[in-house]
Amino acid sequence: MNSNTYTRNVSLQCPTCGNTQFATTSDGPVQVATCASCGRKLTREELLRENSENISTHVDEIKEQVVGDVRKELRSVLSKAFRGNKNIRFK
């Protein structure tokens, strides 16, 4: 199973205008993102919090894909392991 197939890029959107282009600056330990369209300034944590629903949707999609792939892989491995056995069958 190749874990690179589960890599995704999620575009974060400005909560005000929906733009995905940001200019980032580092003010000490805090990173500030400024929307290129409306000029709204958000910290990284605020931007992630505002986009949490979008991020959760992508995580759920990846979870479903991983579970399906693990199920197929497990079925394949077990079928090969018990090939020729008359008492064990897989549906």
PDB file of N, CA and C in Angstrom:
ATOM      1  N   MET A   1       0.849  -1.168   0.000  1.00  0.00           N
ATOM      2  CA  MET A   1       0.000   0.000   0.000  1.00  0.00           C
ATOM      3  C   MET A   1       0.898   1.234   0.000  1.00  0.00           C
ATOM      4  N   ASN A   2       0.655   2.143  -0.908  1.00  0.00           N
ATOM      5  CA  ASN A   2       1.472   3.338  -1.073  1.00  0.00           C
ATOM      6  C   ASN A   2       0.826   4.508  -0.334  1.00  0.00           C
ATOM      7  N   SER A   3       1.507   5.034   0.676  1.00  0.00           N
ATOM      8  CA  SER A   3       0.932   6.125   1.473  1.00  0.00           C
ATOM      9  C   SER A   3       0.955   7.454   0.734  1.00  0.00           C
ATOM     10  N   ASN A   4       1.688   7.571  -0.368  1.00  0.00           N
ATOM     11  CA  ASN A   4       1.715   8.822  -1.130  1.00  0.00           C
ATOM     12  C   ASN A   4       0.391   9.092  -1.830  1.00  0.00           C
ATOM     13  N   THR A   5      -0.444   8.084  -1.998  1.00  0.00           N
ATOM     14  CA  THR A   5      -1.737   8.289  -2.653  1.00  0.00           C
ATOM     15  C   THR A   5      -2.717   9.017  -1.745  1.00  0.00           C
ATOM     16  N   TYR A   6      -2.384   9.164  -0.483  1.00  0.00           N
ATOM     17  CA  TYR A   6      -3.290   9.814   0.466  1.00  0.00           C
ATOM     18  C   TYR A   6      -2.889  11.255   0.757  1.00  0.00           C
ATOM     19  N   THR A   7      -1.929  11.781   0.037  1.00  0.00           N
ATOM     20  CA  THR A   7      -1.479  13.150   0.245  1.00  0.00           C
ATOM     21  C   THR A   7      -2.435  14.105  -0.473  1.00  0.00           C
ATOM     22  N   ARG A   8      -2.869  15.121   0.219  1.00  0.00           N
ATOM     23  CA  ARG A   8      -3.774  16.108  -0.359  1.00  0.00           C
ATOM     24  C   ARG A   8      -3.294  17.512  -0.031  1.00  0.00           C
ATOM     25  N   ASN A   9      -3.599  18.436  -0.905  1.00  0.00           N
ATOM     26  CA  ASN A   9      -3.386  19.856  -0.649  1.00  0.00           C
ATOM     27  C   ASN A   9      -4.754  20.501  -0.502  1.00  0.00           C
ATOM     28  N   VAL A  10      -4.984  21.153   0.614  1.00  0.00           N
ATOM     29  CA  VAL A  10      -6.252  21.805   0.886  1.00  0.00           C
ATOM     30  C   VAL A  10      -6.029  23.301   0.767  1.00  0.00           C
ATOM     31  N   SER A  11      -6.779  23.941  -0.121  1.00  0.00           N
ATOM     32  CA  SER A  11      -6.672  25.383  -0.285  1.00  0.00           C
ATOM     33  C   SER A  11      -7.462  26.076   0.816  1.00  0.00           C
ATOM     34  N   LEU A  12      -6.771  26.892   1.591  1.00  0.00           N
ATOM     35  CA  LEU A  12      -7.442  27.651   2.637  1.00  0.00           C
ATOM     36  C   LEU A  12      -8.029  28.915   2.029  1.00  0.00           C
ATOM     37  N   GLN A  13      -9.245  29.249   2.431  1.00  0.00           N
ATOM     38  CA  GLN A  13      -9.945  30.391   1.866  1.00  0.00           C
ATOM     39  C   GLN A  13     -10.109  31.487   2.896  1.00  0.00           C
ATOM     40  N   CYS A  14     -10.096  32.717   2.404  1.00  0.00           N
ATOM     41  CA  CYS A  14     -10.353  33.861   3.270  1.00  0.00           C
ATOM     42  C   CYS A  14     -11.822  33.799   3.699  1.00  0.00           C
ATOM     43  N   PRO A  15     -12.111  33.924   4.996  1.00  0.00           N
ATOM     44  CA  PRO A  15     -13.503  33.852   5.442  1.00  0.00           C
ATOM     45  C   PRO A  15     -14.329  35.052   4.999  1.00  0.00           C
ATOM     46  N   THR A  16     -13.700  36.133   4.607  1.00  0.00           N
ATOM     47  CA  THR A  16     -14.422  37.334   4.177  1.00  0.00           C
ATOM     48  C   THR A  16     -14.797  37.278   2.707  1.00  0.00           C
ATOM     49  N   CYS A  17     -13.797  37.012   1.835  1.00  0.00           N
ATOM     50  CA  CYS A  17     -14.046  37.098   0.391  1.00  0.00           C
ATOM     51  C   CYS A  17     -13.919  35.768  -0.344  1.00  0.00           C
ATOM     52  N   GLY A  18     -13.376  34.727   0.286  1.00  0.00           N
ATOM     53  CA  GLY A  18     -13.250  33.426  -0.341  1.00  0.00           C
ATOM     54  C   GLY A  18     -12.008  33.268  -1.205  1.00  0.00           C
ATOM     55  N   ASN A  19     -11.131  34.236  -1.207  1.00  0.00           N
ATOM     56  CA  ASN A  19      -9.905  34.178  -1.990  1.00  0.00           C
ATOM     57  C   ASN A  19      -8.946  33.159  -1.377  1.00  0.00           C
ATOM     58  N   THR A  20      -8.093  32.549  -2.203  1.00  0.00           N
ATOM     59  CA  THR A  20      -7.150  31.555  -1.710  1.00  0.00           C
ATOM     60  C   THR A  20      -5.710  32.049  -1.755  1.00  0.00           C
ATOM     61  N   GLN A  21      -5.490  33.295  -2.109  1.00  0.00           N
ATOM     62  CA  GLN A  21      -4.145  33.862  -2.199  1.00  0.00           C
ATOM     63  C   GLN A  21      -3.852  34.683  -0.948  1.00  0.00           C
ATOM     64  N   PHE A  22      -2.732  34.352  -0.277  1.00  0.00           N
ATOM     65  CA  PHE A  22      -2.341  35.054   0.944  1.00  0.00           C
ATOM     66  C   PHE A  22      -0.873  35.430   0.877  1.00  0.00           C
ATOM     67  N   ALA A  23      -0.557  36.538   1.505  1.00  0.00           N
ATOM     68  CA  ALA A  23       0.835  36.927   1.713  1.00  0.00           C
ATOM     69  C   ALA A  23       1.117  36.687   3.188  1.00  0.00           C
ATOM     70  N   THR A  24       2.191  35.971   3.483  1.00  0.00           N
ATOM     71  CA  THR A  24       2.486  35.649   4.877  1.00  0.00           C
ATOM     72  C   THR A  24       3.676  36.462   5.357  1.00  0.00           C
ATOM     73  N   THR A  25       3.573  36.893   6.596  1.00  0.00           N
ATOM     74  CA  THR A  25       4.668  37.576   7.265  1.00  0.00           C
ATOM     75  C   THR A  25       4.831  36.948   8.640  1.00  0.00           C
ATOM     76  N   SER A  26       6.023  37.023   9.159  1.00  0.00           N
ATOM     77  CA  SER A  26       6.295  36.444  10.468  1.00  0.00           C
ATOM     78  C   SER A  26       6.579  37.577  11.447  1.00  0.00           C
ATOM     79  N   ASP A  27       5.661  37.783  12.373  1.00  0.00           N
ATOM     80  CA  ASP A  27       5.828  38.786  13.423  1.00  0.00           C
ATOM     81  C   ASP A  27       6.246  38.065  14.693  1.00  0.00           C
ATOM     82  N   GLY A  28       7.537  37.777  14.790  1.00  0.00           N
ATOM     83  CA  GLY A  28       8.035  37.026  15.946  1.00  0.00           C
ATOM     84  C   GLY A  28       7.591  35.588  15.833  1.00  0.00           C
ATOM     85  N   PRO A  29       7.036  35.018  16.898  1.00  0.00           N
ATOM     86  CA  PRO A  29       6.615  33.617  16.858  1.00  0.00           C
ATOM     87  C   PRO A  29       5.274  33.419  16.141  1.00  0.00           C
ATOM     88  N   VAL A  30       4.564  34.519  15.840  1.00  0.00           N
ATOM     89  CA  VAL A  30       3.237  34.426  15.225  1.00  0.00           C
ATOM     90  C   VAL A  30       3.348  34.702  13.730  1.00  0.00           C
ATOM     91  N   GLN A  31       2.766  33.804  12.924  1.00  0.00           N
ATOM     92  CA  GLN A  31       2.736  33.983  11.484  1.00  0.00           C
ATOM     93  C   GLN A  31       1.407  34.611  11.105  1.00  0.00           C
ATOM     94  N   VAL A  32       1.451  35.708  10.339  1.00  0.00           N
ATOM     95  CA  VAL A  32       0.241  36.425   9.950  1.00  0.00           C
ATOM     96  C   VAL A  32       0.058  36.283   8.444  1.00  0.00           C
ATOM     97  N   ALA A  33      -1.157  35.906   8.027  1.00  0.00           N
ATOM     98  CA  ALA A  33      -1.501  35.791   6.610  1.00  0.00           C
ATOM     99  C   ALA A  33      -2.425  36.949   6.260  1.00  0.00           C
ATOM    100  N   THR A  34      -2.091  37.657   5.176  1.00  0.00           N
ATOM    101  CA  THR A  34      -2.898  38.779   4.707  1.00  0.00           C
ATOM    102  C   THR A  34      -3.521  38.389   3.384  1.00  0.00           C
ATOM    103  N   CYS A  35      -4.839  38.502   3.284  1.00  0.00           N
ATOM    104  CA  CYS A  35      -5.548  38.156   2.063  1.00  0.00           C
ATOM    105  C   CYS A  35      -5.132  39.122   0.959  1.00  0.00           C
ATOM    106  N   ALA A  36      -4.834  38.587  -0.216  1.00  0.00           N
ATOM    107  CA  ALA A  36      -4.403  39.414  -1.341  1.00  0.00           C
ATOM    108  C   ALA A  36      -5.562  40.204  -1.934  1.00  0.00           C
ATOM    109  N   SER A  37      -6.784  39.788  -1.705  1.00  0.00           N
ATOM    110  CA  SER A  37      -7.939  40.453  -2.297  1.00  0.00           C
ATOM    111  C   SER A  37      -8.520  41.533  -1.382  1.00  0.00           C
ATOM    112  N   CYS A  38      -8.875  41.146  -0.153  1.00  0.00           N
ATOM    113  CA  CYS A  38      -9.553  42.102   0.735  1.00  0.00           C
ATOM    114  C   CYS A  38      -8.635  42.708   1.790  1.00  0.00           C
ATOM    115  N   GLY A  39      -7.453  42.147   1.991  1.00  0.00           N
ATOM    116  CA  GLY A  39      -6.499  42.695   2.944  1.00  0.00           C
ATOM    117  C   GLY A  39      -6.718  42.270   4.388  1.00  0.00           C
ATOM    118  N   ARG A  40      -7.622  41.346   4.631  1.00  0.00           N
ATOM    119  CA  ARG A  40      -7.869  40.889   5.996  1.00  0.00           C
ATOM    120  C   ARG A  40      -6.647  40.144   6.524  1.00  0.00           C
ATOM    121  N   LYS A  41      -6.281  40.420   7.766  1.00  0.00           N
ATOM    122  CA  LYS A  41      -5.132  39.779   8.398  1.00  0.00           C
ATOM    123  C   LYS A  41      -5.613  38.730   9.387  1.00  0.00           C
ATOM    124  N   LEU A  42      -5.040  37.542   9.266  1.00  0.00           N
ATOM    125  CA  LEU A  42      -5.387  36.419  10.128  1.00  0.00           C
ATOM    126  C   LEU A  42      -4.113  35.724  10.562  1.00  0.00           C
ATOM    127  N   THR A  43      -4.122  35.227  11.796  1.00  0.00           N
ATOM    128  CA  THR A  43      -3.008  34.383  12.208  1.00  0.00           C
ATOM    129  C   THR A  43      -3.229  33.003  11.605  1.00  0.00           C
ATOM    130  N   ARG A  44      -2.203  32.208  11.645  1.00  0.00           N
ATOM    131  CA  ARG A  44      -2.299  30.852  11.091  1.00  0.00           C
ATOM    132  C   ARG A  44      -3.395  30.058  11.801  1.00  0.00           C
ATOM    133  N   GLU A  45      -3.466  30.176  13.116  1.00  0.00           N
ATOM    134  CA  GLU A  45      -4.475  29.451  13.893  1.00  0.00           C
ATOM    135  C   GLU A  45      -5.887  29.903  13.521  1.00  0.00           C
ATOM    136  N   GLU A  46      -6.087  31.209  13.331  1.00  0.00           N
ATOM    137  CA  GLU A  46      -7.405  31.709  12.939  1.00  0.00           C
ATOM    138  C   GLU A  46      -7.791  31.204  11.556  1.00  0.00           C
ATOM    139  N   LEU A  47      -6.845  31.197  10.642  1.00  0.00           N
ATOM    140  CA  LEU A  47      -7.109  30.725   9.291  1.00  0.00           C
ATOM    141  C   LEU A  47      -7.481  29.241   9.291  1.00  0.00           C
ATOM    142  N   LEU A  48      -6.781  28.454  10.081  1.00  0.00           N
ATOM    143  CA  LEU A  48      -7.106  27.027  10.188  1.00  0.00           C
ATOM    144  C   LEU A  48      -8.469  26.819  10.845  1.00  0.00           C
ATOM    145  N   ARG A  49      -8.779  27.603  11.858  1.00  0.00           N
ATOM    146  CA  ARG A  49     -10.069  27.483  12.541  1.00  0.00           C
ATOM    147  C   ARG A  49     -11.216  27.859  11.598  1.00  0.00           C
ATOM    148  N   GLU A  50     -11.026  28.906  10.808  1.00  0.00           N
ATOM    149  CA  GLU A  50     -12.071  29.346   9.878  1.00  0.00           C
ATOM    150  C   GLU A  50     -12.292  28.334   8.751  1.00  0.00           C
ATOM    151  N   ASN A  51     -11.276  27.557   8.419  1.00  0.00           N
ATOM    152  CA  ASN A  51     -11.368  26.572   7.350  1.00  0.00           C
ATOM    153  C   ASN A  51     -11.516  25.152   7.879  1.00  0.00           C
ATOM    154  N   SER A  52     -11.863  24.994   9.141  1.00  0.00           N
ATOM    155  CA  SER A  52     -11.921  23.671   9.765  1.00  0.00           C
ATOM    156  C   SER A  52     -12.935  22.742   9.095  1.00  0.00           C
ATOM    157  N   GLU A  53     -14.038  23.275   8.610  1.00  0.00           N
ATOM    158  CA  GLU A  53     -15.040  22.431   7.955  1.00  0.00           C
ATOM    159  C   GLU A  53     -14.478  21.855   6.649  1.00  0.00           C
ATOM    160  N   ASN A  54     -13.796  22.675   5.876  1.00  0.00           N
ATOM    161  CA  ASN A  54     -13.181  22.227   4.627  1.00  0.00           C
ATOM    162  C   ASN A  54     -12.106  21.184   4.909  1.00  0.00           C
ATOM    163  N   ILE A  55     -11.299  21.411   5.921  1.00  0.00           N
ATOM    164  CA  ILE A  55     -10.240  20.473   6.288  1.00  0.00           C
ATOM    165  C   ILE A  55     -10.846  19.152   6.753  1.00  0.00           C
ATOM    166  N   SER A  56     -11.897  19.216   7.563  1.00  0.00           N
ATOM    167  CA  SER A  56     -12.560  17.999   8.059  1.00  0.00           C
ATOM    168  C   SER A  56     -13.141  17.169   6.921  1.00  0.00           C
ATOM    169  N   THR A  57     -13.680  17.830   5.920  1.00  0.00           N
ATOM    170  CA  THR A  57     -14.235  17.122   4.765  1.00  0.00           C
ATOM    171  C   THR A  57     -13.148  16.340   4.042  1.00  0.00           C
ATOM    172  N   HIS A  58     -11.999  16.959   3.840  1.00  0.00           N
ATOM    173  CA  HIS A  58     -10.888  16.273   3.174  1.00  0.00           C
ATOM    174  C   HIS A  58     -10.362  15.116   4.029  1.00  0.00           C
ATOM    175  N   VAL A  59     -10.293  15.302   5.328  1.00  0.00           N
ATOM    176  CA  VAL A  59      -9.828  14.231   6.226  1.00  0.00           C
ATOM    177  C   VAL A  59     -10.789  13.048   6.166  1.00  0.00           C
ATOM    178  N   ASP A  60     -12.092  13.318   6.151  1.00  0.00           N
ATOM    179  CA  ASP A  60     -13.079  12.241   6.078  1.00  0.00           C
ATOM    180  C   ASP A  60     -12.960  11.465   4.760  1.00  0.00           C
ATOM    181  N   GLU A  61     -12.715  12.183   3.653  1.00  0.00           N
ATOM    182  CA  GLU A  61     -12.538  11.514   2.362  1.00  0.00           C
ATOM    183  C   GLU A  61     -11.317  10.596   2.388  1.00  0.00           C
ATOM    184  N   ILE A  62     -10.234  11.064   2.982  1.00  0.00           N
ATOM    185  CA  ILE A  62      -9.018  10.261   3.064  1.00  0.00           C
ATOM    186  C   ILE A  62      -9.245   9.045   3.955  1.00  0.00           C
ATOM    187  N   LYS A  63      -9.974   9.231   5.063  1.00  0.00           N
ATOM    188  CA  LYS A  63     -10.282   8.105   5.946  1.00  0.00           C
ATOM    189  C   LYS A  63     -11.024   7.003   5.198  1.00  0.00           C
ATOM    190  N   GLU A  64     -12.038   7.385   4.415  1.00  0.00           N
ATOM    191  CA  GLU A  64     -12.814   6.401   3.657  1.00  0.00           C
ATOM    192  C   GLU A  64     -11.938   5.675   2.654  1.00  0.00           C
ATOM    193  N   GLN A  65     -11.056   6.414   2.002  1.00  0.00           N
ATOM    194  CA  GLN A  65     -10.158   5.809   1.023  1.00  0.00           C
ATOM    195  C   GLN A  65      -9.187   4.836   1.695  1.00  0.00           C
ATOM    196  N   VAL A  66      -8.635   5.214   2.841  1.00  0.00           N
ATOM    197  CA  VAL A  66      -7.700   4.349   3.554  1.00  0.00           C
ATOM    198  C   VAL A  66      -8.395   3.079   4.024  1.00  0.00           C
ATOM    199  N   VAL A  67      -9.582   3.206   4.596  1.00  0.00           N
ATOM    200  CA  VAL A  67     -10.315   2.033   5.082  1.00  0.00           C
ATOM    201  C   VAL A  67     -10.626   1.084   3.930  1.00  0.00           C
ATOM    202  N   GLY A  68     -11.050   1.622   2.798  1.00  0.00           N
ATOM    203  CA  GLY A  68     -11.329   0.775   1.638  1.00  0.00           C
ATOM    204  C   GLY A  68     -10.091   0.054   1.134  1.00  0.00           C
ATOM    205  N   ASP A  69      -8.973   0.773   1.079  1.00  0.00           N
ATOM    206  CA  ASP A  69      -7.733   0.163   0.598  1.00  0.00           C
ATOM    207  C   ASP A  69      -7.205  -0.889   1.567  1.00  0.00           C
ATOM    208  N   VAL A  70      -7.318  -0.637   2.863  1.00  0.00           N
ATOM    209  CA  VAL A  70      -6.878  -1.622   3.862  1.00  0.00           C
ATOM    210  C   VAL A  70      -7.752  -2.866   3.793  1.00  0.00           C
ATOM    211  N   ARG A  71      -9.039  -2.664   3.600  1.00  0.00           N
ATOM    212  CA  ARG A  71      -9.962  -3.795   3.483  1.00  0.00           C
ATOM    213  C   ARG A  71      -9.589  -4.675   2.282  1.00  0.00           C
ATOM    214  N   LYS A  72      -9.313  -4.038   1.131  1.00  0.00           N
ATOM    215  CA  LYS A  72      -8.916  -4.799  -0.061  1.00  0.00           C
ATOM    216  C   LYS A  72      -7.595  -5.535   0.165  1.00  0.00           C
ATOM    217  N   GLU A  73      -6.641  -4.848   0.762  1.00  0.00           N
ATOM    218  CA  GLU A  73      -5.322  -5.449   1.001  1.00  0.00           C
ATOM    219  C   GLU A  73      -5.425  -6.633   1.966  1.00  0.00           C
ATOM    220  N   LEU A  74      -6.199  -6.472   3.037  1.00  0.00           N
ATOM    221  CA  LEU A  74      -6.368  -7.543   4.015  1.00  0.00           C
ATOM    222  C   LEU A  74      -7.059  -8.750   3.395  1.00  0.00           C
ATOM    223  N   ARG A  75      -8.091  -8.502   2.606  1.00  0.00           N
ATOM    224  CA  ARG A  75      -8.792  -9.598   1.931  1.00  0.00           C
ATOM    225  C   ARG A  75      -7.831 -10.345   1.004  1.00  0.00           C
ATOM    226  N   SER A  76      -7.011  -9.610   0.275  1.00  0.00           N
ATOM    227  CA  SER A  76      -6.061 -10.218  -0.649  1.00  0.00           C
ATOM    228  C   SER A  76      -5.029 -11.065   0.098  1.00  0.00           C
ATOM    229  N   VAL A  77      -4.480 -10.529   1.176  1.00  0.00           N
ATOM    230  CA  VAL A  77      -3.468 -11.251   1.941  1.00  0.00           C
ATOM    231  C   VAL A  77      -4.051 -12.506   2.569  1.00  0.00           C
ATOM    232  N   LEU A  78      -5.231 -12.393   3.155  1.00  0.00           N
ATOM    233  CA  LEU A  78      -5.846 -13.562   3.784  1.00  0.00           C
ATOM    234  C   LEU A  78      -6.250 -14.610   2.757  1.00  0.00           C
ATOM    235  N   SER A  79      -6.733 -14.172   1.610  1.00  0.00           N
ATOM    236  CA  SER A  79      -7.104 -15.125   0.559  1.00  0.00           C
ATOM    237  C   SER A  79      -5.888 -15.904   0.085  1.00  0.00           C
ATOM    238  N   LYS A  80      -4.759 -15.221  -0.071  1.00  0.00           N
ATOM    239  CA  LYS A  80      -3.531 -15.903  -0.493  1.00  0.00           C
ATOM    240  C   LYS A  80      -3.033 -16.848   0.595  1.00  0.00           C
ATOM    241  N   ALA A  81      -3.158 -16.441   1.858  1.00  0.00           N
ATOM    242  CA  ALA A  81      -2.664 -17.264   2.962  1.00  0.00           C
ATOM    243  C   ALA A  81      -3.461 -18.558   3.111  1.00  0.00           C
ATOM    244  N   PHE A  82      -4.760 -18.495   2.878  1.00  0.00           N
ATOM    245  CA  PHE A  82      -5.608 -19.665   3.084  1.00  0.00           C
ATOM    246  C   PHE A  82      -6.047 -20.314   1.773  1.00  0.00           C
ATOM    247  N   ARG A  83      -5.343 -20.032   0.693  1.00  0.00           N
ATOM    248  CA  ARG A  83      -5.658 -20.637  -0.600  1.00  0.00           C
ATOM    249  C   ARG A  83      -5.484 -22.155  -0.492  1.00  0.00           C
ATOM    250  N   GLY A  84      -6.456 -22.874  -0.982  1.00  0.00           N
ATOM    251  CA  GLY A  84      -6.398 -24.332  -0.963  1.00  0.00           C
ATOM    252  C   GLY A  84      -7.000 -24.954   0.286  1.00  0.00           C
ATOM    253  N   ASN A  85      -7.368 -24.155   1.288  1.00  0.00           N
ATOM    254  CA  ASN A  85      -7.974 -24.681   2.505  1.00  0.00           C
ATOM    255  C   ASN A  85      -9.469 -24.845   2.257  1.00  0.00           C
ATOM    256  N   LYS A  86     -10.003 -26.020   2.485  1.00  0.00           N
ATOM    257  CA  LYS A  86     -11.406 -26.304   2.222  1.00  0.00           C
ATOM    258  C   LYS A  86     -12.331 -25.774   3.318  1.00  0.00           C
ATOM    259  N   ASN A  87     -11.809 -25.523   4.508  1.00  0.00           N
ATOM    260  CA  ASN A  87     -12.659 -25.156   5.638  1.00  0.00           C
ATOM    261  C   ASN A  87     -12.813 -23.640   5.807  1.00  0.00           C
ATOM    262  N   ILE A  88     -11.980 -22.847   5.186  1.00  0.00           N
ATOM    263  CA  ILE A  88     -12.052 -21.386   5.332  1.00  0.00           C
ATOM    264  C   ILE A  88     -12.390 -20.772   3.999  1.00  0.00           C
ATOM    265  N   ARG A  89     -13.454 -19.957   3.993  1.00  0.00           N
ATOM    266  CA  ARG A  89     -13.899 -19.281   2.760  1.00  0.00           C
ATOM    267  C   ARG A  89     -14.142 -17.795   3.068  1.00  0.00           C
ATOM    268  N   PHE A  90     -13.927 -16.979   2.070  1.00  0.00           N
ATOM    269  CA  PHE A  90     -14.169 -15.532   2.187  1.00  0.00           C
ATOM    270  C   PHE A  90     -15.280 -15.130   1.250  1.00  0.00           C
ATOM    271  N   LYS A  91     -16.152 -14.286   1.745  1.00  0.00           N
ATOM    272  CA  LYS A  91     -17.263 -13.799   0.911  1.00  0.00           C
ATOM    273  C   LYS A  91     -16.871 -12.525   0.233  1.00  0.00           C
TER     274      LYS A  91
END
